[in-house]
Amino acid sequence: EKNQRATHLTGAFFAFFVGIFYFWLQLLLFWRVKSLPQPGAPWIGPLRLVLCSICTILTVAMVVLHTWSLRSASAACEWVVAMLLFTLFGLFAVDFSGLDGCT
C-alpha cells in the first residue's frame, strides 16, 4: 500500500464505491420489476437491501476512521465490506438459477 498508494486508492475506489453503487443500482432494478415473477425466496430482496445498507454505512465509517488515523478500525470495516460484497455477488446465483444453458 505504501509504495503504490495511487494504485491502491484507485483499486479501493473501484472495489468499494463503484461496487456498492452497482449493487444499489441492481437493487433498484430488482424493485422496479417487482411485478414480474422473481426467482428465489421472497426474502432475497430485503436481504439485499440490508446488505447494501450495511455496506454503505461501513464504507462511510471506513473513510471517517481512516481520516481520524484509526487505521485498524478502518481496515476492519474494509474487510467486512469486502466479505459483504462477496455475499452480494453470491446472491446472483439466485437470479441466474433459471438459466438452463448457453445458446
Protein backbone atom coordinates (compact mmCIF):
# COMPACT_ATOMS: atom_id res chain seq x y z
CA GLU A 1 0.00 0.00 0.00
CA LYS A 2 2.75 2.46 0.90
CA ASN A 3 4.79 2.00 -2.27
CA GLN A 4 1.85 2.18 -4.67
CA ARG A 5 -0.60 4.45 -2.85
CA ALA A 6 -2.26 5.80 -6.03
CA THR A 7 -2.79 2.28 -7.36
CA HIS A 8 -4.13 1.10 -4.02
CA LEU A 9 -6.58 4.00 -3.71
CA THR A 10 -7.78 3.62 -7.30
CA GLY A 11 -8.40 -0.09 -6.79
CA ALA A 12 -10.13 0.54 -3.47
CA PHE A 13 -12.36 3.18 -5.09
CA PHE A 14 -13.46 0.80 -7.84
CA ALA A 15 -13.86 -2.16 -5.49
CA PHE A 16 -15.83 -0.43 -2.78
CA PHE A 17 -17.53 2.72 -4.05
CA VAL A 18 -18.31 1.55 -7.58
CA GLY A 19 -19.14 -1.94 -6.29
CA ILE A 20 -21.63 -0.60 -3.75
CA PHE A 21 -23.13 1.73 -6.37
CA TYR A 22 -23.55 -1.27 -8.68
CA PHE A 23 -25.41 -3.27 -6.05
CA TRP A 24 -27.67 -0.33 -5.18
CA LEU A 25 -28.45 0.01 -8.89
CA GLN A 26 -29.12 -3.73 -9.13
CA LEU A 27 -31.42 -3.50 -6.09
CA LEU A 28 -33.28 -0.57 -7.65
CA LEU A 29 -33.82 -2.54 -10.85
CA PHE A 30 -34.97 -5.53 -8.79
CA TRP A 31 -37.65 -3.41 -7.09
CA ARG A 32 -38.70 -1.76 -10.39
CA VAL A 33 -39.57 -5.13 -11.95
CA LYS A 34 -41.25 -6.42 -8.79
CA SER A 35 -44.44 -7.12 -10.77
CA LEU A 36 -42.62 -9.75 -12.84
CA PRO A 37 -42.01 -13.24 -11.44
CA GLN A 38 -38.83 -13.19 -9.34
CA PRO A 39 -36.57 -16.20 -8.86
CA GLY A 40 -35.76 -17.36 -5.37
CA ALA A 41 -37.34 -16.82 -2.00
CA PRO A 42 -39.24 -13.62 -1.16
CA TRP A 43 -36.61 -12.67 1.45
CA ILE A 44 -33.84 -12.19 -1.17
CA GLY A 45 -34.85 -8.58 -1.90
CA PRO A 46 -34.93 -7.45 1.74
CA LEU A 47 -31.64 -9.29 2.38
CA ARG A 48 -30.02 -7.36 -0.48
CA LEU A 49 -31.40 -4.11 0.94
CA VAL A 50 -29.93 -4.86 4.38
CA LEU A 51 -26.55 -5.89 2.96
CA CYS A 52 -26.34 -2.80 0.71
CA SER A 53 -27.25 -0.56 3.64
CA ILE A 54 -24.63 -2.14 5.90
CA CYS A 55 -22.01 -1.84 3.14
CA THR A 56 -22.79 1.85 2.68
CA ILE A 57 -22.66 2.60 6.40
CA LEU A 58 -19.41 0.68 6.86
CA THR A 59 -17.81 2.35 3.84
CA VAL A 60 -18.57 5.78 5.26
CA ALA A 61 -17.24 4.61 8.64
CA MET A 62 -14.13 3.26 6.92
CA VAL A 63 -13.37 6.64 5.33
CA VAL A 64 -14.06 8.55 8.55
CA LEU A 65 -11.92 6.21 10.64
CA HIS A 66 -9.12 6.43 8.10
CA THR A 67 -9.13 10.23 8.26
CA TRP A 68 -9.04 10.05 12.08
CA SER A 69 -5.91 7.83 11.79
CA LEU A 70 -7.70 4.82 13.27
CA ARG A 71 -6.19 2.51 10.69
CA SER A 72 -7.00 -0.82 12.37
CA ALA A 73 -10.68 0.02 12.80
CA SER A 74 -10.78 1.29 9.23
CA ALA A 75 -9.20 -1.94 7.99
CA ALA A 76 -11.76 -3.99 9.94
CA CYS A 77 -14.58 -2.07 8.23
CA GLU A 78 -12.86 -2.59 4.89
CA TRP A 79 -12.71 -6.36 5.35
CA VAL A 80 -16.31 -6.60 6.49
CA VAL A 81 -17.43 -4.63 3.43
CA ALA A 82 -15.34 -6.88 1.19
CA MET A 83 -16.99 -10.00 2.63
CA LEU A 84 -20.46 -8.46 2.30
CA LEU A 85 -19.75 -7.60 -1.34
CA PHE A 86 -18.76 -11.22 -1.92
CA THR A 87 -22.06 -12.25 -0.34
CA LEU A 88 -23.97 -9.90 -2.63
CA PHE A 89 -22.16 -11.37 -5.63
CA GLY A 90 -23.12 -14.82 -4.39
CA LEU A 91 -26.78 -13.81 -4.37
CA PHE A 92 -26.60 -13.50 -8.15
CA ALA A 93 -26.79 -17.31 -8.18
CA VAL A 94 -30.47 -16.88 -7.30
CA ASP A 95 -31.02 -14.60 -10.30
CA PHE A 96 -29.25 -16.92 -12.71
CA SER A 97 -30.72 -20.16 -11.36
CA GLY A 98 -33.39 -20.16 -14.05
CA LEU A 99 -30.89 -20.26 -16.90
CA ASP A 100 -30.72 -23.70 -18.45
CA GLY A 101 -27.59 -23.31 -20.53
CA CYS A 102 -25.73 -21.33 -23.12
CA THR A 103 -27.03 -20.79 -26.62
